[in-house]
Amino acid sequence: MPEEQFEEAVRLMNQHSKFLKYLRGISEERIAEAEALLSVQFPPLFRRCLLTYGELTFSNTEFLGLRAKDSFQNFDNLIKHTL
C-alpha cells in the first residue's frame, strides 16, 4: 500500500473512531522477535501499524497483528496464521 493510502486509511479510521477497536501498539523488540520467528522483515508501513495499533478491528473487519505480551502460538494473530 502506498504511504498516501495508508495515511488516508488512518485519517478515515480516526474520523470514524466509534468503529475502531485496537490493542495498544507493540514494541520494536516484539516486532523483531516476530520477524526472526518468521525469517522476514516487515515493510515499514506494516511496522508502523504494529507500533501504533498492535492489531485492530474497524467496523466488522479484523486486521491481524501482534499483541504485546502474549505467546505468539496461543492467540489468533498473524504468527499463528503464518506458521
Protein backbone atom coordinates (compact mmCIF):
# COMPACT_ATOMS: atom_id res chain seq x y z
CA MET A 1 0.00 0.00 0.00
CA PRO A 2 1.42 3.43 -0.87
CA GLU A 3 2.03 5.70 2.11
CA GLU A 4 -0.61 8.19 0.92
CA GLN A 5 -3.27 5.47 1.02
CA PHE A 6 -2.11 4.37 4.46
CA GLU A 7 -2.36 7.95 5.74
CA GLU A 8 -5.85 8.25 4.25
CA ALA A 9 -6.91 4.98 5.88
CA VAL A 10 -5.63 6.18 9.27
CA ARG A 11 -7.42 9.51 8.79
CA LEU A 12 -10.70 7.75 7.96
CA MET A 13 -10.38 5.35 10.90
CA ASN A 14 -9.76 8.25 13.26
CA GLN A 15 -12.66 10.20 11.74
CA HIS A 16 -14.96 7.21 12.38
CA SER A 17 -13.35 6.14 15.64
CA LYS A 18 -16.58 4.69 17.05
CA PHE A 19 -15.98 1.75 14.68
CA LEU A 20 -12.27 1.41 15.59
CA LYS A 21 -11.08 -1.03 18.25
CA TYR A 22 -7.44 -1.82 18.78
CA LEU A 23 -4.99 -3.08 21.31
CA ARG A 24 -2.09 -0.91 22.28
CA GLY A 25 0.88 -0.84 19.94
CA ILE A 26 3.77 -3.21 20.43
CA SER A 27 7.49 -2.59 20.89
CA GLU A 28 10.28 -2.71 18.31
CA GLU A 29 11.66 -5.68 20.25
CA ARG A 30 8.38 -7.59 19.85
CA ILE A 31 8.36 -6.85 16.13
CA ALA A 32 11.97 -8.05 15.81
CA GLU A 33 11.03 -11.26 17.65
CA ALA A 34 8.16 -11.91 15.22
CA GLU A 35 10.36 -11.14 12.20
CA ALA A 36 13.01 -13.56 13.45
CA LEU A 37 10.42 -16.27 14.07
CA LEU A 38 9.10 -15.88 10.52
CA SER A 39 12.51 -15.17 8.92
CA VAL A 40 11.16 -11.99 7.28
CA GLN A 41 11.45 -8.25 7.59
CA PHE A 42 8.11 -6.46 7.78
CA PRO A 43 7.58 -3.49 5.44
CA PRO A 44 7.86 -0.02 7.06
CA LEU A 45 4.13 0.76 6.94
CA PHE A 46 3.20 -2.58 8.50
CA ARG A 47 5.77 -1.96 11.25
CA ARG A 48 4.20 1.44 11.83
CA CYS A 49 0.75 -0.14 12.10
CA LEU A 50 2.06 -2.68 14.62
CA LEU A 51 3.78 0.04 16.64
CA THR A 52 0.60 2.14 16.69
CA TYR A 53 -2.19 -0.41 16.98
CA GLY A 54 -0.81 -3.91 17.64
CA GLU A 55 -3.88 -5.39 15.97
CA LEU A 56 -7.19 -3.78 15.17
CA THR A 57 -10.78 -4.14 14.14
CA PHE A 58 -12.53 -1.50 12.08
CA SER A 59 -16.27 -1.88 11.74
CA ASN A 60 -16.55 -5.66 11.21
CA THR A 61 -13.16 -6.18 9.53
CA GLU A 62 -10.32 -7.61 11.61
CA PHE A 63 -6.69 -6.88 10.78
CA LEU A 64 -4.46 -9.48 12.38
CA GLY A 65 -1.42 -8.14 14.10
CA LEU A 66 0.54 -8.84 17.25
CA ARG A 67 -0.12 -8.46 20.94
CA ALA A 68 2.41 -7.02 23.33
CA LYS A 69 2.84 -9.78 25.91
CA ASP A 70 1.09 -12.94 24.84
CA SER A 71 2.68 -16.02 23.35
CA PHE A 72 2.73 -15.96 19.58
CA GLN A 73 1.43 -19.53 19.48
CA ASN A 74 -1.55 -19.14 21.81
CA PHE A 75 -3.55 -16.37 20.18
CA ASP A 76 -5.27 -15.65 16.91
CA ASN A 77 -2.59 -13.42 15.37
CA LEU A 78 -0.53 -13.15 12.22
CA ILE A 79 2.18 -15.50 13.54
CA LYS A 80 -0.31 -18.31 14.20
CA HIS A 81 -1.83 -17.89 10.75
CA THR A 82 1.56 -17.77 9.05
CA LEU A 83 3.21 -20.79 10.71
